[in-house]
Amino acid sequence: MTKIDTSSNIPFNNNLDFCVGTGRMGLALQKEYMDQLAFVQEHIGFSHIRGHGLFTDDMAIYQEREDFHDKGNIHIEYNFTYLDLVMDGYLNLGIRPFLELGFMPEKMASGDQHVFFWKGNVTPPKSYDSWTTLVKKTLNHLIDRYGREEVVTWPVEVWNEPNLKVFWKDADMQEYFKLFDLTFAAVKEVDPRFKVGGPAVCGGSDEVWISAFMEHVEENGLDIDFVTRHHYTTEPPVPDGRYGYPPLSDPELGFANLKTTRDIIDSHEKYRGLPIHITEYNTAYIPNAPLHDTTRNAAYIAQQLSRLGDGNESYSYWTFGDIFEEFGVPFAPFHGGFGLVANGCIPKPTFWTFVFFKQIKGMRCIHRDDSSVIVADDNGGIHGICWNFVLHGKGEEKTLDFSFDLPSGRYCKVIKTVDEDHANPLRIWHDLGEPSSLSSEQKEIIKAGSTPGITTDSVNVVDKEMELKIDLVPESVVKFDIYPATLTPDRGYDYDRAVRGEEAKQE
């Protein structure tokens, strides 16, 4: 049994809600997208949102118009109609952009290399002057519309995963550094208070790129504001039909890899302690991994949330919802999408992991280990999140035993469970026959079974010690809440008589 000192104060950066990811920004013009974001904001409430495609042609910001009377004379125009609609929608839901600057407008691009179903251009600009003008025009428009004091608080990231050839032509490091330097200067010219960072690299060559990036910014005297990178925790997927099945990686390998970024930055005295923002993370790095829809994912992510704040300022889950088209439009409501929410605003198991961690945000941490986080509130309550993730196979059940020193009195114990039988819409969909299109009745059934199981009990603490046993089946997440609950019945109200009848009075 683990005895918990309720007076402890253990460091725990629970910053789960700073930012969340999205597909390309143009998708925000769709109703279902905004419905899912509203649902996520209502239950979790993220502060920022980061997505690709700010400058791709579906947003229509950069325009070139040939003069009707003077053929060959090209006029540059900037159209912010869709940008305004997207930003208005975000701000109305209480979420601000974490601006990722990319990809390249077609008419500005130096080549025709594209990525994704929606064809984001990943080549450098033909003219860096045109690129930096686009950046400045866009930021100044946002300032004019939403106010300088507001917009300068929006973080700015330069490009996405330039260490991969699919996202930056030839993964040309020196060309990226040129893009970063000129973009950094352009943003700071608009207002030096903007926070700007990069290089937004993914794993694999991250150590090489981050080392080179830090050396480059130091040699060039750039006072960058933060460093960004990504964090995915599966092995390469095994493809089958439309789907991929990636084995989970040992999480310790991922945490060790993250620490290398912290160590590299801190090896530069000028940048020691510089904030690190993980601007994408999830288990699988593909949007068609059924793993994402499972309770296994929920349990694995619980441990990630308990530790990602160690050395990192923030960490942005990729993504909030399943309106997402990198590989095209999905064929089924449960298709292994990145989202916390499936289409139809159906919460997946991992959604509840986030809800649980949001509910304990700001509370004093009194215990943290590989299977649990426990906090205390200011009103005598104790709250904990426990998990049992499985790397391979079916796993085994485990039990966590805790004891707490609490003042004598009556308490209410609440247990919320996410497992195979609770908050598991994937299983219900499977039992229904895996329909590719949900009827209204099927959707209602799935939603009804998509919330955690809840049990309550009253506990009397006599000798200032409460014992708590948490049983965890494989691939489960359990949240417990212990509240002081002094019984204060109304005059004449007798609970036992209400539930057992008049005979209870005679006992």
Protein backbone atom coordinates (compact mmCIF):
# COMPACT_ATOMS: atom_id res chain seq x y z
CA MET A 1 0.00 0.00 0.00
CA THR A 2 1.24 3.48 -0.89
CA LYS A 3 0.79 6.02 1.87
CA ILE A 4 0.16 9.48 0.45
CA ASP A 5 1.32 12.54 2.33
CA THR A 6 -1.50 14.98 1.65
CA SER A 7 0.72 17.92 2.63
CA SER A 8 3.21 17.20 -0.19
CA ASN A 9 3.83 19.62 -3.04
CA ILE A 10 5.32 17.75 -5.99
CA PRO A 11 6.31 19.62 -9.19
CA PHE A 12 3.82 18.91 -11.97
CA ASN A 13 3.44 21.11 -15.05
CA ASN A 14 -0.09 20.13 -16.06
CA ASN A 15 -0.34 22.28 -19.18
CA LEU A 16 -2.48 19.92 -21.24
CA ASP A 17 -4.81 22.69 -22.41
CA PHE A 18 -2.35 25.27 -23.76
CA CYS A 19 -2.73 24.14 -27.37
CA VAL A 20 -4.43 21.52 -29.54
CA GLY A 21 -3.89 20.60 -33.17
CA THR A 22 -6.16 20.69 -36.18
CA GLY A 23 -6.05 19.78 -39.82
CA ARG A 24 -5.56 22.55 -42.33
CA MET A 25 -7.13 25.83 -41.28
CA GLY A 26 -9.55 25.97 -44.22
CA LEU A 27 -11.52 23.09 -42.69
CA ALA A 28 -12.76 25.55 -40.06
CA LEU A 29 -15.27 26.76 -42.66
CA GLN A 30 -17.18 23.48 -42.26
CA LYS A 31 -20.04 23.22 -39.77
CA GLU A 32 -19.11 19.77 -38.42
CA TYR A 33 -15.56 20.98 -37.77
CA MET A 34 -16.81 23.91 -35.70
CA ASP A 35 -19.37 21.71 -33.92
CA GLN A 36 -16.58 19.36 -32.85
CA LEU A 37 -14.38 22.25 -31.74
CA ALA A 38 -17.26 23.75 -29.74
CA PHE A 39 -17.83 20.39 -28.06
CA VAL A 40 -14.14 20.08 -27.17
CA GLN A 41 -14.01 23.65 -25.90
CA GLU A 42 -17.08 23.12 -23.73
CA HIS A 43 -15.63 20.08 -21.99
CA ILE A 44 -11.87 20.76 -22.05
CA GLY A 45 -11.22 24.33 -23.15
CA PHE A 46 -7.91 24.75 -24.95
CA SER A 47 -6.19 28.14 -25.08
CA HIS A 48 -4.62 27.85 -28.55
CA ILE A 49 -5.06 25.91 -31.77
CA ARG A 50 -2.37 25.07 -34.33
CA GLY A 51 -2.87 23.81 -37.85
CA HIS A 52 -1.32 23.69 -41.30
CA GLY A 53 -2.30 25.56 -44.40
CA LEU A 54 -2.51 29.21 -43.39
CA PHE A 55 -1.08 30.23 -46.78
CA THR A 56 -2.34 27.39 -49.00
CA ASP A 57 -4.62 28.31 -51.85
CA ASP A 58 -7.87 27.18 -50.22
CA MET A 59 -7.44 30.10 -47.79
CA ALA A 60 -6.96 32.36 -50.84
CA ILE A 61 -4.83 34.97 -49.08
CA TYR A 62 -2.16 35.47 -51.73
CA GLN A 63 -3.47 36.51 -55.16
CA GLU A 64 -1.82 37.50 -58.44
CA ARG A 65 -3.90 39.34 -61.03
CA GLU A 66 -2.81 40.11 -64.57
CA ASP A 67 -3.64 43.63 -65.72
CA PHE A 68 -6.49 43.42 -68.27
CA HIS A 69 -5.13 46.33 -70.30
CA ASP A 70 -1.44 45.53 -69.89
CA LYS A 71 -0.83 41.83 -70.36
CA GLY A 72 2.17 40.62 -68.42
CA ASN A 73 1.79 43.27 -65.75
CA ILE A 74 1.05 41.32 -62.55
CA HIS A 75 -0.67 42.93 -59.58
CA ILE A 76 -0.32 41.37 -56.11
CA GLU A 77 -3.47 41.30 -53.97
CA TYR A 78 -4.25 39.92 -50.52
CA ASN A 79 -7.64 38.44 -49.73
CA PHE A 80 -8.40 37.93 -46.02
CA THR A 81 -12.07 36.92 -46.35
CA TYR A 82 -11.61 33.30 -45.29
CA LEU A 83 -8.91 34.14 -42.75
CA ASP A 84 -11.37 36.47 -41.00
CA LEU A 85 -14.07 33.80 -40.93
CA VAL A 86 -11.70 31.21 -39.49
CA MET A 87 -10.27 33.55 -36.85
CA ASP A 88 -13.71 34.85 -35.88
CA GLY A 89 -14.85 31.27 -35.39
CA TYR A 90 -11.87 30.42 -33.23
CA LEU A 91 -12.09 33.51 -31.05
CA ASN A 92 -15.83 33.09 -30.59
CA LEU A 93 -15.04 29.71 -29.01
CA GLY A 94 -12.39 31.19 -26.73
CA ILE A 95 -9.41 29.72 -28.57
CA ARG A 96 -6.51 31.65 -30.11
CA PRO A 97 -4.24 30.59 -32.96
CA PHE A 98 -0.74 29.27 -32.53
CA LEU A 99 0.24 30.50 -35.97
CA GLU A 100 2.15 28.04 -38.13
CA LEU A 101 3.46 29.94 -41.16
CA GLY A 102 3.07 27.67 -44.20
CA PHE A 103 2.65 26.16 -46.70
CA MET A 104 3.65 28.04 -49.87
CA PRO A 105 1.02 29.73 -52.08
CA GLU A 106 1.14 28.11 -55.54
CA LYS A 107 1.88 31.34 -57.41
CA MET A 108 4.70 32.17 -55.01
CA ALA A 109 6.25 28.69 -54.97
CA SER A 110 9.51 27.82 -56.66
CA GLY A 111 8.39 24.27 -57.47
CA ASP A 112 5.44 21.92 -57.70
CA GLN A 113 6.17 19.46 -54.87
CA HIS A 114 3.07 18.88 -52.76
CA VAL A 115 2.02 16.97 -49.67
CA PHE A 116 -1.32 15.47 -48.64
CA PHE A 117 -4.66 15.00 -50.38
CA TRP A 118 -5.17 18.76 -50.28
CA LYS A 119 -1.84 19.47 -52.00
CA GLY A 120 0.13 21.75 -49.73
CA ASN A 121 3.10 23.17 -51.62
CA VAL A 122 6.34 22.47 -49.74
CA THR A 123 8.89 24.32 -51.86
CA PRO A 124 10.68 27.56 -50.98
CA PRO A 125 9.37 30.82 -52.40
CA LYS A 126 10.54 32.12 -55.76
CA SER A 127 11.06 35.44 -54.00
CA TYR A 128 11.77 35.73 -50.30
CA ASP A 129 10.75 39.39 -50.51
CA SER A 130 7.30 38.28 -51.63
CA TRP A 131 7.16 35.73 -48.81
CA THR A 132 8.13 38.17 -46.07
CA THR A 133 5.70 40.75 -47.45
CA LEU A 134 2.94 38.13 -47.26
CA VAL A 135 3.85 37.40 -43.64
CA LYS A 136 3.84 41.09 -42.69
CA LYS A 137 0.62 41.86 -44.57
CA THR A 138 -1.14 38.96 -42.84
CA LEU A 139 0.03 39.88 -39.35
CA ASN A 140 -0.80 43.55 -39.86
CA HIS A 141 -4.28 42.62 -41.06
CA LEU A 142 -4.84 40.52 -37.97
CA ILE A 143 -3.64 43.40 -35.80
CA ASP A 144 -5.98 45.83 -37.56
CA ARG A 145 -8.92 43.48 -37.09
CA TYR A 146 -8.36 42.07 -33.59
CA GLY A 147 -6.11 44.63 -31.94
CA ARG A 148 -2.35 44.78 -31.50
CA GLU A 149 -2.37 43.88 -27.79
CA GLU A 150 -4.33 40.73 -28.60
CA VAL A 151 -2.52 39.51 -31.69
CA VAL A 152 1.03 39.92 -30.38
CA THR A 153 0.18 37.24 -27.78
CA TRP A 154 -0.33 34.65 -30.53
CA PRO A 155 2.80 32.43 -30.83
CA VAL A 156 4.35 32.15 -34.30
CA GLU A 157 6.05 29.02 -35.64
CA VAL A 158 7.97 28.93 -38.91
CA TRP A 159 6.94 26.01 -41.17
CA ASN A 160 6.31 22.36 -40.27
CA GLU A 161 8.72 19.42 -40.10
CA PRO A 162 11.37 20.75 -42.50
CA ASN A 163 13.58 17.78 -41.59
CA LEU A 164 11.33 15.59 -43.75
CA LYS A 165 11.57 15.76 -47.54
CA VAL A 166 7.79 15.45 -47.84
CA PHE A 167 7.33 18.73 -45.92
CA TRP A 168 10.30 20.78 -47.18
CA LYS A 169 11.95 20.26 -50.56
CA ASP A 170 14.97 17.98 -50.12
CA ALA A 171 14.81 18.60 -46.34
CA ASP A 172 17.32 21.33 -47.15
CA MET A 173 18.52 22.55 -43.76
CA GLN A 174 20.33 25.66 -45.00
CA GLU A 175 17.33 26.70 -47.08
CA TYR A 176 15.13 26.32 -44.02
CA PHE A 177 17.51 28.44 -41.97
CA LYS A 178 17.21 31.14 -44.66
CA LEU A 179 13.42 30.90 -44.48
CA PHE A 180 13.52 31.07 -40.69
CA ASP A 181 15.90 34.03 -40.49
CA LEU A 182 13.98 36.18 -42.93
CA THR A 183 10.60 35.21 -41.47
CA PHE A 184 11.81 35.86 -37.92
CA ALA A 185 12.97 39.34 -38.95
CA ALA A 186 9.70 40.04 -40.76
CA VAL A 187 7.56 39.08 -37.77
CA LYS A 188 9.67 41.09 -35.34
CA GLU A 189 9.48 44.06 -37.72
CA VAL A 190 5.70 44.02 -37.38
CA ASP A 191 6.05 43.97 -33.61
CA PRO A 192 9.08 42.81 -31.60
CA ARG A 193 6.75 41.47 -28.91
CA PHE A 194 5.67 38.54 -31.09
CA LYS A 195 7.01 35.24 -29.78
CA VAL A 196 8.64 33.36 -32.66
CA GLY A 197 10.19 29.90 -32.80
CA GLY A 198 11.00 26.75 -34.73
CA PRO A 199 12.20 24.45 -36.23
CA ALA A 200 9.08 22.25 -35.72
CA VAL A 201 10.96 19.03 -36.43
CA CYS A 202 9.72 15.49 -35.95
CA GLY A 203 11.68 12.55 -34.60
CA GLY A 204 14.42 10.70 -36.43
CA SER A 205 16.83 13.50 -37.29
CA ASP A 206 15.58 15.78 -34.51
CA GLU A 207 18.84 15.82 -32.54
CA VAL A 208 20.88 16.76 -35.63
CA TRP A 209 18.44 19.47 -36.66
CA ILE A 210 17.94 21.01 -33.24
CA SER A 211 21.68 21.06 -32.59
CA ALA A 212 22.29 22.76 -35.92
CA PHE A 213 19.37 25.14 -35.40
CA MET A 214 20.63 26.28 -32.01
CA GLU A 215 24.15 26.79 -33.36
CA HIS A 216 22.74 28.74 -36.28
CA VAL A 217 20.57 31.13 -34.24
CA GLU A 218 23.42 31.72 -31.79
CA GLU A 219 25.94 32.43 -34.53
CA ASN A 220 23.50 34.87 -36.13
CA GLY A 221 22.47 36.56 -32.89
CA LEU A 222 18.78 35.64 -33.11
CA ASP A 223 16.90 36.03 -29.86
CA ILE A 224 14.40 33.28 -30.56
CA ASP A 225 11.56 32.98 -28.08
CA PHE A 226 11.04 29.21 -28.01
CA VAL A 227 11.93 25.93 -29.72
CA THR A 228 9.34 23.60 -31.24
CA ARG A 229 9.39 19.91 -32.03
CA HIS A 230 6.99 16.97 -32.42
CA HIS A 231 6.57 13.75 -30.48
CA TYR A 232 4.99 10.51 -31.78
CA THR A 233 5.32 7.22 -29.95
CA THR A 234 4.75 4.25 -32.25
CA GLU A 235 6.85 2.10 -34.51
CA PRO A 236 6.24 2.18 -38.29
CA PRO A 237 2.71 0.99 -39.09
CA VAL A 238 1.81 -2.32 -40.74
CA PRO A 239 -0.53 -1.39 -43.64
CA ASP A 240 -3.73 -3.30 -44.34
CA GLY A 241 -6.33 -1.94 -46.76
CA ARG A 242 -7.12 1.66 -45.83
CA TYR A 243 -5.52 1.36 -42.40
CA GLY A 244 -2.22 1.14 -40.59
CA TYR A 245 -1.46 -0.77 -37.40
CA PRO A 246 1.58 0.70 -35.61
CA PRO A 247 2.94 -0.98 -32.46
CA LEU A 248 3.30 1.34 -29.47
CA SER A 249 6.84 2.31 -28.50
CA ASP A 250 8.29 2.06 -25.03
CA PRO A 251 7.34 5.48 -23.59
CA GLU A 252 10.68 5.75 -21.79
CA LEU A 253 12.42 5.93 -25.16
CA GLY A 254 10.22 8.85 -26.11
CA PHE A 255 10.80 10.70 -22.85
CA ALA A 256 14.54 10.17 -23.22
CA ASN A 257 14.39 11.56 -26.75
CA LEU A 258 12.53 14.65 -25.53
CA LYS A 259 15.22 15.22 -22.92
CA THR A 260 17.87 15.44 -25.63
CA THR A 261 16.14 18.58 -26.92
CA ARG A 262 16.20 20.10 -23.45
CA ASP A 263 19.89 19.18 -23.06
CA ILE A 264 20.86 20.59 -26.46
CA ILE A 265 19.18 23.91 -25.77
CA ASP A 266 20.60 24.17 -22.26
CA SER A 267 24.11 23.50 -23.56
CA HIS A 268 23.90 27.01 -25.05
CA GLU A 269 24.21 29.39 -22.12
CA LYS A 270 22.39 32.16 -23.96
CA TYR A 271 19.33 29.95 -24.48
CA ARG A 272 19.39 27.91 -21.28
CA GLY A 273 15.84 27.38 -20.03
CA LEU A 274 14.29 28.55 -23.30
CA PRO A 275 10.70 27.26 -23.53
CA ILE A 276 10.05 24.13 -25.58
CA HIS A 277 6.63 23.75 -27.20
CA ILE A 278 5.74 20.28 -28.47
CA THR A 279 3.45 21.50 -31.23
CA GLU A 280 2.32 17.99 -32.22
CA TYR A 281 2.10 14.73 -30.32
CA ASN A 282 0.05 11.57 -30.36
CA THR A 283 0.70 7.86 -30.40
CA ALA A 284 0.60 7.04 -34.14
CA TYR A 285 1.71 9.60 -36.73
CA ILE A 286 -0.81 8.52 -39.39
CA PRO A 287 -4.50 9.57 -39.54
CA ASN A 288 -5.76 6.05 -40.26
CA ALA A 289 -4.51 4.13 -37.22
CA PRO A 290 -7.40 2.39 -35.40
CA LEU A 291 -5.25 2.64 -32.27
CA HIS A 292 -6.34 6.27 -31.92
CA ASP A 293 -9.95 5.25 -31.28
CA THR A 294 -9.19 2.78 -28.49
CA THR A 295 -9.03 2.70 -24.71
CA ARG A 296 -5.41 1.56 -25.15
CA ASN A 297 -4.67 4.97 -26.65
CA ALA A 298 -6.46 6.68 -23.75
CA ALA A 299 -4.38 4.85 -21.14
CA TYR A 300 -1.08 5.45 -22.95
CA ILE A 301 -1.83 9.15 -23.37
CA ALA A 302 -2.65 9.39 -19.65
CA GLN A 303 0.95 8.58 -18.83
CA GLN A 304 2.13 11.01 -21.50
CA LEU A 305 0.09 13.83 -19.94
CA SER A 306 1.55 13.03 -16.55
CA ARG A 307 5.10 13.64 -17.79
CA LEU A 308 5.18 15.78 -20.94
CA GLY A 309 5.36 18.91 -18.80
CA ASP A 310 8.73 17.79 -17.45
CA GLY A 311 11.07 20.07 -19.38
CA ASN A 312 8.45 21.28 -21.87
CA GLU A 313 6.40 24.46 -21.66
CA SER A 314 3.45 22.98 -23.57
CA TYR A 315 2.36 19.99 -25.63
CA SER A 316 -0.30 20.09 -28.32
CA TYR A 317 -2.33 16.95 -29.03
CA TRP A 318 -2.76 16.25 -32.72
CA THR A 319 -5.80 16.73 -33.18
CA PHE A 320 -9.04 17.87 -31.53
CA GLY A 321 -11.39 16.32 -34.14
CA ASP A 322 -11.76 13.97 -37.06
CA ILE A 323 -12.60 16.47 -39.82
CA PHE A 324 -9.20 15.87 -41.35
CA GLU A 325 -8.13 15.14 -44.91
CA GLU A 326 -4.40 14.46 -45.13
CA PHE A 327 -5.04 11.03 -46.69
CA GLY A 328 -8.41 12.03 -48.13
CA VAL A 329 -11.95 11.94 -46.77
CA PRO A 330 -12.41 8.94 -44.43
CA PHE A 331 -14.80 6.14 -45.35
CA ALA A 332 -16.16 5.34 -41.86
CA PRO A 333 -17.03 7.17 -38.63
CA PHE A 334 -14.31 5.23 -36.79
CA HIS A 335 -11.28 5.20 -39.08
CA GLY A 336 -8.37 5.75 -36.70
CA GLY A 337 -8.37 9.52 -37.06
CA PHE A 338 -6.19 11.66 -34.84
CA GLY A 339 -9.13 13.38 -33.18
CA LEU A 340 -10.31 13.38 -29.59
CA VAL A 341 -13.80 13.45 -31.10
CA ALA A 342 -15.17 11.28 -33.89
CA ASN A 343 -17.43 12.68 -36.58
CA GLY A 344 -20.88 13.26 -35.14
CA CYS A 345 -19.31 14.80 -32.02
CA ILE A 346 -18.79 11.38 -30.47
CA PRO A 347 -16.12 11.54 -27.73
CA LYS A 348 -13.43 8.88 -27.99
CA PRO A 349 -11.81 7.33 -24.89
CA THR A 350 -8.79 9.66 -25.09
CA PHE A 351 -11.17 12.64 -24.91
CA TRP A 352 -11.97 11.64 -21.32
CA THR A 353 -8.28 11.36 -20.45
CA PHE A 354 -8.05 15.04 -21.34
CA VAL A 355 -11.20 15.90 -19.42
CA PHE A 356 -9.80 14.17 -16.33
CA PHE A 357 -6.48 16.02 -16.50
CA LYS A 358 -8.25 19.32 -17.10
CA GLN A 359 -10.35 18.74 -13.98
CA ILE A 360 -7.21 18.53 -11.82
CA LYS A 361 -5.41 21.48 -13.45
CA GLY A 362 -4.13 24.03 -10.96
CA MET A 363 -4.39 21.70 -7.97
CA ARG A 364 -1.43 20.82 -5.75
CA CYS A 365 0.22 17.56 -6.75
CA ILE A 366 0.81 15.21 -3.83
CA HIS A 367 1.83 12.03 -5.66
CA ARG A 368 3.05 11.05 -9.13
CA ASP A 369 4.35 7.74 -10.44
CA ASP A 370 4.20 5.62 -13.62
CA SER A 371 0.56 4.68 -13.04
CA SER A 372 -1.05 7.63 -11.27
CA VAL A 373 -1.20 11.32 -10.50
CA ILE A 374 -2.87 12.49 -7.29
CA VAL A 375 -3.66 16.08 -6.34
CA ALA A 376 -5.31 17.95 -3.48
CA ASP A 377 -7.70 20.88 -3.82
CA ASP A 378 -8.17 23.81 -1.44
CA ASN A 379 -11.38 22.43 0.06
CA GLY A 380 -10.18 19.19 1.58
CA GLY A 381 -10.72 17.08 -1.54
CA ILE A 382 -8.35 14.51 -3.05
CA HIS A 383 -8.39 13.68 -6.77
CA GLY A 384 -6.42 11.15 -8.77
CA ILE A 385 -6.02 9.70 -12.24
CA CYS A 386 -4.80 6.12 -12.64
CA TRP A 387 -4.07 4.13 -15.78
CA ASN A 388 -3.04 0.72 -17.01
CA PHE A 389 -1.69 0.90 -20.56
CA VAL A 390 -0.58 -2.12 -22.51
CA LEU A 391 2.28 -2.06 -24.99
CA HIS A 392 1.73 -5.52 -26.44
CA GLY A 393 -0.88 -8.24 -26.15
CA LYS A 394 -3.83 -8.19 -23.78
CA GLY A 395 -2.03 -7.08 -20.64
CA GLU A 396 -2.88 -7.86 -17.03
CA GLU A 397 -5.11 -6.39 -14.38
CA LYS A 398 -3.47 -4.43 -11.59
CA THR A 399 -4.59 -2.89 -8.34
CA LEU A 400 -3.33 0.34 -6.81
CA ASP A 401 -3.68 0.66 -3.02
CA PHE A 402 -3.44 4.09 -1.39
CA SER A 403 -3.96 5.43 2.08
CA PHE A 404 -4.57 9.08 2.94
CA ASP A 405 -4.40 10.99 6.21
CA LEU A 406 -7.67 12.88 6.28
CA PRO A 407 -9.61 14.63 9.03
CA SER A 408 -12.26 12.41 10.58
CA GLY A 409 -15.65 12.77 9.00
CA ARG A 410 -17.88 11.65 6.18
CA TYR A 411 -16.60 11.67 2.58
CA CYS A 412 -18.01 10.90 -0.84
CA LYS A 413 -15.91 8.72 -3.15
CA VAL A 414 -16.55 9.06 -6.88
CA ILE A 415 -15.02 6.65 -9.40
CA LYS A 416 -15.10 7.42 -13.13
CA THR A 417 -14.00 4.61 -15.47
CA VAL A 418 -12.87 4.42 -19.08
CA ASP A 419 -12.26 0.85 -20.20
CA GLU A 420 -13.51 -1.86 -22.54
CA ASP A 421 -17.04 -1.57 -21.14
CA HIS A 422 -17.25 2.17 -20.43
CA ALA A 423 -16.73 5.24 -22.65
CA ASN A 424 -15.83 2.95 -25.53
CA PRO A 425 -17.80 4.00 -28.64
CA LEU A 426 -15.52 1.94 -30.89
CA ARG A 427 -16.81 -1.28 -29.33
CA ILE A 428 -20.44 -0.20 -29.68
CA TRP A 429 -19.88 0.69 -33.33
CA HIS A 430 -18.25 -2.72 -33.84
CA ASP A 431 -21.18 -4.48 -32.12
CA LEU A 432 -23.57 -2.59 -34.42
CA GLY A 433 -21.80 -4.07 -37.43
CA GLU A 434 -19.33 -1.26 -38.18
CA PRO A 435 -21.74 0.75 -40.36
CA SER A 436 -20.02 3.25 -42.66
CA SER A 437 -22.92 5.67 -42.24
CA LEU A 438 -24.64 6.01 -38.88
CA SER A 439 -28.39 6.29 -38.64
CA SER A 440 -29.82 8.70 -36.09
CA GLU A 441 -30.66 5.77 -33.81
CA GLN A 442 -27.18 4.24 -34.12
CA LYS A 443 -25.57 7.57 -33.37
CA GLU A 444 -27.77 8.00 -30.31
CA ILE A 445 -26.83 4.54 -29.04
CA ILE A 446 -23.11 5.17 -29.54
CA LYS A 447 -23.23 8.57 -27.86
CA ALA A 448 -25.14 7.15 -24.91
CA GLY A 449 -22.35 4.63 -24.36
CA SER A 450 -19.53 7.11 -24.83
CA THR A 451 -19.35 8.51 -21.30
CA PRO A 452 -17.35 7.11 -18.37
CA GLY A 453 -18.92 4.68 -15.96
CA ILE A 454 -19.56 6.39 -12.62
CA THR A 455 -19.95 4.85 -9.18
CA THR A 456 -20.20 6.61 -5.82
CA ASP A 457 -19.93 5.59 -2.20
CA SER A 458 -19.95 7.30 1.18
CA VAL A 459 -16.99 6.66 3.49
CA ASN A 460 -16.64 7.50 7.17
CA VAL A 461 -13.10 8.30 8.28
CA VAL A 462 -12.67 7.61 11.99
CA ASP A 463 -8.95 7.26 12.69
CA LYS A 464 -7.86 9.94 10.20
CA GLU A 465 -6.91 7.35 7.60
CA MET A 466 -8.75 6.45 4.42
CA GLU A 467 -7.77 3.46 2.35
CA LEU A 468 -8.54 3.42 -1.35
CA LYS A 469 -8.21 0.53 -3.76
CA ILE A 470 -8.30 1.19 -7.51
CA ASP A 471 -8.75 -1.86 -9.73
CA LEU A 472 -7.47 -1.32 -13.24
CA VAL A 473 -8.27 -3.70 -16.06
CA PRO A 474 -5.89 -3.59 -19.03
CA GLU A 475 -6.16 -0.49 -21.21
CA SER A 476 -8.12 1.55 -18.70
CA VAL A 477 -8.13 5.01 -17.16
CA VAL A 478 -9.81 5.67 -13.81
CA LYS A 479 -10.36 9.00 -12.10
CA PHE A 480 -11.23 9.12 -8.42
CA ASP A 481 -12.51 12.06 -6.40
CA ILE A 482 -12.79 12.16 -2.63
CA TYR A 483 -14.90 15.02 -1.29
CA PRO A 484 -15.83 15.99 2.26
CA ALA A 485 -19.55 15.25 2.35
CA THR A 486 -21.08 16.01 5.74
CA LEU A 487 -24.65 14.73 5.78
CA THR A 488 -27.10 17.65 6.01
CA PRO A 489 -30.61 16.19 5.50
CA ASP A 490 -33.69 18.37 5.24
CA ARG A 491 -36.15 18.31 8.15
CA GLY A 492 -37.97 14.99 8.11
CA TYR A 493 -35.94 13.48 5.28
CA ASP A 494 -34.71 9.92 5.89
CA TYR A 495 -32.73 8.32 3.07
CA ASP A 496 -33.05 4.77 4.46
CA ARG A 497 -36.82 5.08 4.69
CA ALA A 498 -36.92 6.46 1.16
CA VAL A 499 -35.08 3.50 -0.38
CA ARG A 500 -36.09 0.66 1.99
CA GLY A 501 -39.60 1.60 2.99
CA GLU A 502 -41.27 2.35 6.31
CA GLU A 503 -39.84 -0.77 7.91
CA ALA A 504 -36.43 0.93 8.03
CA LYS A 505 -37.83 3.18 10.74
CA GLN A 506 -38.49 0.17 13.00
CA GLU A 507 -34.88 -1.10 12.89
